Amino acid sequence: MIIIGPHISIAKGYAKAAKTAVEIGANTFQFFSRNPRGGNAREFDTKDIANFQEIRKENNFGPLLAHAPYTMNLAAAKDDVYEFGRKVIKEDIERMDSLGIEYICFHPGSHVGGGIDAGINKIIAALNEALTGNENITVLLETMSGKGTEIGFEFEQIKRIIDGVEHNEKLGVCLDTCHIFSAGYDIVNNLDEVLNQFDEIIGLDRLKTIHLNDSMMGFGEKKDRHSVIGEGKIGLDAIINFMTHPKIKDLPFFLETPLEDEGHKKEIKMLRDIIETK
């Protein structure tokens, strides 16, 4: 069975989010490690966390994925923004690790005019400060679309970050289908070539999770606009080919498509039905 689930809000608690996942037919889910547009971290409630862990176990959930907030920019040129990012990544790695969450992903960052080299060096420094090597959680760099001054839209950039981190055994990659398509990696017509390139530059052993999204924008346009599966420029056939590729079919897939819970329920069922009949 494929491991698949959407992004679910934890605003009403971790247990409520896990129950929602079960109700919509998911066997995993993604959530924000803290307020995605601010700096506040949710206080843990002992009863809520206990119920959450019980639901995970009873329903044989696959690996869960926490997503760091959008306000965190480890490549920032401004000192105050960078210091906030350093604080958040360290705290959230510790917080999510304490919950037994398998993965936490983050957008590498935007250099905002400081330059790619300077931005990469800042990301490396922040990760070296945050990682002790004793964590159970794996920290994932997300592949980006390349809009603005984003870092991480080329596999080589991600490789440079990984190579610069001392405890890089704790690092992996979250590949976003919309982002890499928009960045110019042709997963529609040349999926084998893209995966081979990833393997040669980064190593497929580093690929831990997939953000499964169609794209509103065309190939190579370097714009991040997610679309419902089958309604975008990537298309349903290419998404199914991606999900069933022997090199990645066993990875957990996380939907970030612009739908509510009921829409994600239908999306998950559609994908399962198609894949199970192949």
Protein backbone atom coordinates (compact mmCIF):
# COMPACT_ATOMS: atom_id res chain seq x y z
CA MET A 1 0.00 0.00 0.00
CA ILE A 2 1.25 3.45 -0.85
CA ILE A 3 2.05 5.80 2.01
CA ILE A 4 0.11 8.96 1.30
CA GLY A 5 -1.49 11.83 3.16
CA PRO A 6 -2.15 15.57 2.92
CA HIS A 7 -1.05 18.58 4.92
CA ILE A 8 -3.34 18.80 7.97
CA SER A 9 -3.65 21.65 10.46
CA ILE A 10 -2.76 20.93 14.10
CA ALA A 11 -4.65 24.03 15.28
CA LYS A 12 -7.08 21.76 17.18
CA GLY A 13 -4.37 19.43 18.39
CA TYR A 14 -2.15 16.64 17.14
CA ALA A 15 -4.71 13.92 17.98
CA LYS A 16 -7.44 15.71 16.01
CA ALA A 17 -5.11 15.96 13.00
CA ALA A 18 -4.30 12.25 13.22
CA LYS A 19 -8.02 11.38 13.45
CA THR A 20 -8.67 13.50 10.37
CA ALA A 21 -5.96 11.61 8.49
CA VAL A 22 -7.63 8.31 9.31
CA GLU A 23 -11.08 9.62 8.33
CA ILE A 24 -9.92 10.69 4.87
CA GLY A 25 -8.08 7.46 4.12
CA ALA A 26 -4.54 8.70 4.72
CA ASN A 27 -1.84 6.69 6.46
CA THR A 28 0.45 9.64 7.10
CA PHE A 29 0.24 13.43 7.08
CA GLN A 30 2.29 16.61 7.11
CA PHE A 31 1.84 19.52 9.53
CA PHE A 32 3.58 22.77 10.39
CA SER A 33 6.06 22.57 13.24
CA ARG A 34 4.76 25.97 14.40
CA ASN A 35 2.67 28.86 13.09
CA PRO A 36 3.68 29.01 9.39
CA ARG A 37 3.38 32.80 9.16
CA GLY A 38 4.66 33.72 12.59
CA GLY A 39 7.02 32.68 15.33
CA ASN A 40 4.79 30.99 17.88
CA ALA A 41 5.33 27.32 18.68
CA ARG A 42 2.37 25.29 19.87
CA GLU A 43 2.64 24.18 23.48
CA PHE A 44 2.48 20.41 23.88
CA ASP A 45 -0.54 19.06 25.75
CA THR A 46 0.30 15.79 27.47
CA LYS A 47 -3.11 14.17 26.92
CA ASP A 48 -3.29 15.33 23.31
CA ILE A 49 0.18 13.97 22.54
CA ALA A 50 -0.62 10.63 24.20
CA ASN A 51 -3.80 10.29 22.10
CA PHE A 52 -1.87 11.30 18.99
CA GLN A 53 0.76 8.64 19.56
CA GLU A 54 -1.92 6.01 20.18
CA ILE A 55 -3.70 6.85 16.90
CA ARG A 56 -0.38 6.65 15.00
CA LYS A 57 0.31 3.21 16.41
CA GLU A 58 -3.22 1.78 16.06
CA ASN A 59 -3.46 2.82 12.42
CA ASN A 60 0.06 1.83 11.38
CA PHE A 61 0.94 5.29 10.14
CA GLY A 62 3.92 5.66 7.87
CA PRO A 63 6.59 8.29 8.58
CA LEU A 64 5.23 11.73 9.50
CA LEU A 65 6.57 15.00 8.16
CA ALA A 66 6.78 18.31 9.99
CA HIS A 67 7.21 21.43 7.85
CA ALA A 68 9.18 24.38 9.23
CA PRO A 69 7.47 27.80 9.03
CA TYR A 70 7.69 29.96 5.92
CA THR A 71 9.04 32.82 8.01
CA MET A 72 12.26 30.89 8.62
CA ASN A 73 14.98 31.98 6.19
CA LEU A 74 18.40 30.49 6.89
CA ALA A 75 19.93 32.31 3.92
CA ALA A 76 18.67 35.77 4.89
CA ALA A 77 20.87 38.80 4.32
CA LYS A 78 19.30 40.67 7.28
CA ASP A 79 20.80 39.72 10.63
CA ASP A 80 17.51 39.72 12.57
CA VAL A 81 15.79 37.45 10.05
CA TYR A 82 18.75 35.08 10.02
CA GLU A 83 18.95 34.95 13.83
CA PHE A 84 15.23 34.13 14.00
CA GLY A 85 15.77 31.30 11.51
CA ARG A 86 18.71 29.88 13.46
CA LYS A 87 16.61 29.87 16.62
CA VAL A 88 13.59 28.26 14.97
CA ILE A 89 15.40 25.42 13.18
CA LYS A 90 17.24 24.42 16.35
CA GLU A 91 14.12 24.55 18.50
CA ASP A 92 11.89 22.74 16.02
CA ILE A 93 14.36 19.93 15.37
CA GLU A 94 14.42 19.33 19.14
CA ARG A 95 10.63 19.67 19.54
CA MET A 96 9.72 17.38 16.66
CA ASP A 97 12.37 14.86 17.65
CA SER A 98 10.83 14.68 21.13
CA LEU A 99 7.52 13.67 19.52
CA GLY A 100 9.13 10.89 17.51
CA ILE A 101 8.38 12.60 14.19
CA GLU A 102 10.50 10.96 11.52
CA TYR A 103 11.15 13.97 9.27
CA ILE A 104 11.17 17.76 9.32
CA CYS A 105 11.56 19.65 6.03
CA PHE A 106 12.35 23.27 5.33
CA HIS A 107 12.80 25.62 2.40
CA PRO A 108 16.57 26.20 2.22
CA GLY A 109 16.03 29.95 2.03
CA SER A 110 16.34 33.05 -0.14
CA HIS A 111 19.53 35.09 -0.23
CA VAL A 112 17.57 38.31 -1.01
CA GLY A 113 20.47 39.87 -2.87
CA GLY A 114 23.25 38.51 -0.69
CA GLY A 115 24.25 35.99 -3.33
CA ILE A 116 23.90 32.21 -3.62
CA ASP A 117 27.33 31.45 -2.15
CA ALA A 118 26.75 33.61 0.92
CA GLY A 119 23.27 32.15 1.36
CA ILE A 120 24.52 28.57 1.19
CA ASN A 121 27.24 29.34 3.74
CA LYS A 122 24.62 30.74 6.12
CA ILE A 123 22.39 27.68 5.75
CA ILE A 124 25.36 25.42 6.47
CA ALA A 125 26.31 27.43 9.56
CA ALA A 126 22.76 27.28 10.94
CA LEU A 127 22.52 23.52 10.42
CA ASN A 128 25.92 22.95 11.98
CA GLU A 129 24.70 24.82 15.03
CA ALA A 130 21.35 23.01 15.16
CA LEU A 131 22.45 19.39 14.62
CA THR A 132 24.25 17.48 17.34
CA GLY A 133 24.36 14.12 15.59
CA ASN A 134 22.29 12.51 18.36
CA GLU A 135 18.90 13.19 16.77
CA ASN A 136 16.56 10.43 15.61
CA ILE A 137 14.72 12.82 13.29
CA THR A 138 16.02 13.45 9.77
CA VAL A 139 16.14 17.05 8.51
CA LEU A 140 15.11 17.44 4.88
CA LEU A 141 16.08 20.16 2.43
CA GLU A 142 13.17 20.81 0.07
CA THR A 143 13.75 21.19 -3.65
CA MET A 144 12.58 24.62 -4.79
CA SER A 145 11.17 26.18 -7.97
CA GLY A 146 13.77 28.95 -8.31
CA LYS A 147 11.50 31.96 -7.94
CA GLY A 148 13.16 35.19 -6.87
CA THR A 149 16.40 34.56 -4.99
CA GLU A 150 15.52 31.07 -3.75
CA ILE A 151 18.28 28.59 -3.04
CA GLY A 152 17.73 24.89 -3.66
CA PHE A 153 16.27 24.86 -7.18
CA GLU A 154 19.31 23.02 -8.52
CA PHE A 155 20.42 19.64 -7.19
CA GLU A 156 23.99 20.95 -7.05
CA GLN A 157 22.99 23.65 -4.55
CA ILE A 158 21.41 21.10 -2.23
CA LYS A 159 24.50 18.90 -2.56
CA ARG A 160 26.74 21.83 -1.52
CA ILE A 161 24.68 22.37 1.62
CA ILE A 162 24.73 18.69 2.56
CA ASP A 163 28.48 18.45 2.01
CA GLY A 164 29.11 21.46 4.25
CA VAL A 165 27.23 20.11 7.27
CA GLU A 166 29.25 18.14 9.80
CA HIS A 167 26.48 15.77 10.87
CA ASN A 168 25.07 15.36 7.37
CA GLU A 169 24.06 11.79 8.15
CA LYS A 170 21.03 13.53 9.66
CA LEU A 171 20.17 15.28 6.38
CA GLY A 172 18.00 14.20 3.47
CA VAL A 173 15.85 15.67 0.71
CA CYS A 174 12.14 16.27 0.26
CA LEU A 175 11.45 16.42 -3.49
CA ASP A 176 8.51 18.58 -4.55
CA THR A 177 7.11 17.55 -7.94
CA CYS A 178 5.67 21.00 -8.70
CA HIS A 179 8.88 22.74 -7.70
CA ILE A 180 11.33 20.64 -9.70
CA PHE A 181 9.06 20.69 -12.78
CA SER A 182 8.93 24.47 -12.54
CA ALA A 183 12.69 24.60 -11.93
CA GLY A 184 13.34 22.79 -15.23
CA TYR A 185 13.60 19.10 -14.33
CA ASP A 186 11.39 17.29 -16.82
CA ILE A 187 9.64 14.64 -14.75
CA VAL A 188 6.93 14.37 -17.41
CA ASN A 189 9.03 13.25 -20.38
CA ASN A 190 12.38 12.30 -18.82
CA LEU A 191 11.71 10.98 -15.32
CA ASP A 192 14.45 8.34 -15.49
CA GLU A 193 16.96 10.99 -16.51
CA VAL A 194 15.92 13.29 -13.65
CA LEU A 195 16.19 10.51 -11.07
CA ASN A 196 19.56 9.44 -12.45
CA GLN A 197 20.76 13.03 -12.24
CA PHE A 198 19.55 13.26 -8.66
CA ASP A 199 21.32 10.01 -7.84
CA GLU A 200 24.60 11.12 -9.43
CA ILE A 201 24.63 14.53 -7.74
CA ILE A 202 22.98 13.93 -4.35
CA GLY A 203 22.31 10.19 -4.09
CA LEU A 204 18.87 8.56 -4.06
CA ASP A 205 19.60 7.30 -0.56
CA ARG A 206 19.14 10.93 0.54
CA LEU A 207 15.63 11.13 -0.97
CA LYS A 208 13.24 10.51 1.93
CA THR A 209 9.88 12.11 1.12
CA ILE A 210 7.86 13.49 -1.79
CA HIS A 211 5.64 16.57 -1.91
CA LEU A 212 3.12 15.38 -4.48
CA ASN A 213 1.71 18.39 -6.33
CA ASP A 214 0.62 19.21 -9.84
CA SER A 215 1.70 22.59 -11.23
CA MET A 216 -0.41 25.51 -12.40
CA MET A 217 2.63 26.87 -14.21
CA GLY A 218 4.46 25.41 -17.20
CA PHE A 219 7.75 23.59 -17.38
CA GLY A 220 10.78 25.67 -16.41
CA GLU A 221 8.81 28.81 -15.50
CA LYS A 222 10.36 29.00 -12.02
CA LYS A 223 7.09 29.81 -10.28
CA ASP A 224 5.63 27.98 -7.30
CA ARG A 225 1.93 27.42 -7.94
CA HIS A 226 0.49 24.11 -6.79
CA SER A 227 -2.46 22.53 -8.57
CA VAL A 228 -4.82 19.65 -7.81
CA ILE A 229 -3.47 16.33 -9.09
CA GLY A 230 -4.42 15.91 -12.75
CA GLU A 231 -5.52 19.52 -13.22
CA GLY A 232 -2.12 21.07 -13.86
CA LYS A 233 0.72 21.09 -16.37
CA ILE A 234 2.31 17.89 -15.03
CA GLY A 235 -0.87 15.86 -15.46
CA LEU A 236 -2.30 12.70 -13.94
CA ASP A 237 -0.42 10.22 -16.14
CA ALA A 238 2.96 11.70 -15.25
CA ILE A 239 2.04 11.82 -11.55
CA ILE A 240 1.06 8.13 -11.60
CA ASN A 241 4.26 7.23 -13.48
CA PHE A 242 6.18 9.13 -10.82
CA MET A 243 4.43 7.41 -7.91
CA THR A 244 4.90 3.94 -9.37
CA HIS A 245 8.52 4.34 -10.42
CA PRO A 246 10.44 1.46 -8.80
CA LYS A 247 13.09 3.78 -7.36
CA ILE A 248 10.63 5.94 -5.39
CA LYS A 249 7.31 4.07 -5.08
CA ASP A 250 7.92 3.10 -1.44
CA LEU A 251 8.58 6.66 -0.24
CA PRO A 252 5.88 8.59 1.66
CA PHE A 253 3.89 11.02 -0.52
CA PHE A 254 2.52 14.24 0.96
CA LEU A 255 -0.18 16.21 -0.86
CA GLU A 256 0.01 20.00 -0.70
CA THR A 257 -2.71 20.51 -3.30
CA PRO A 258 -5.21 23.37 -2.83
CA LEU A 259 -8.06 21.29 -1.38
CA GLU A 260 -9.87 20.88 1.93
CA ASP A 261 -10.16 17.56 3.79
CA GLU A 262 -13.01 16.19 1.67
CA GLY A 263 -11.18 17.05 -1.53
CA HIS A 264 -8.03 15.34 -0.27
CA LYS A 265 -10.10 12.28 0.62
CA LYS A 266 -11.25 12.01 -3.01
CA GLU A 267 -7.75 12.72 -4.29
CA ILE A 268 -6.23 9.98 -2.15
CA LYS A 269 -8.90 7.47 -3.17
CA MET A 270 -8.41 8.28 -6.85
CA LEU A 271 -4.66 7.77 -6.63
CA ARG A 272 -4.98 4.53 -4.65
CA ASP A 273 -7.59 3.15 -7.06
CA ILE A 274 -5.46 3.87 -10.10
CA ILE A 275 -2.24 2.53 -8.61
CA GLU A 276 -3.82 -0.63 -7.22
CA THR A 277 -5.16 -1.56 -10.66
CA LYS A 278 -1.84 -1.09 -12.43
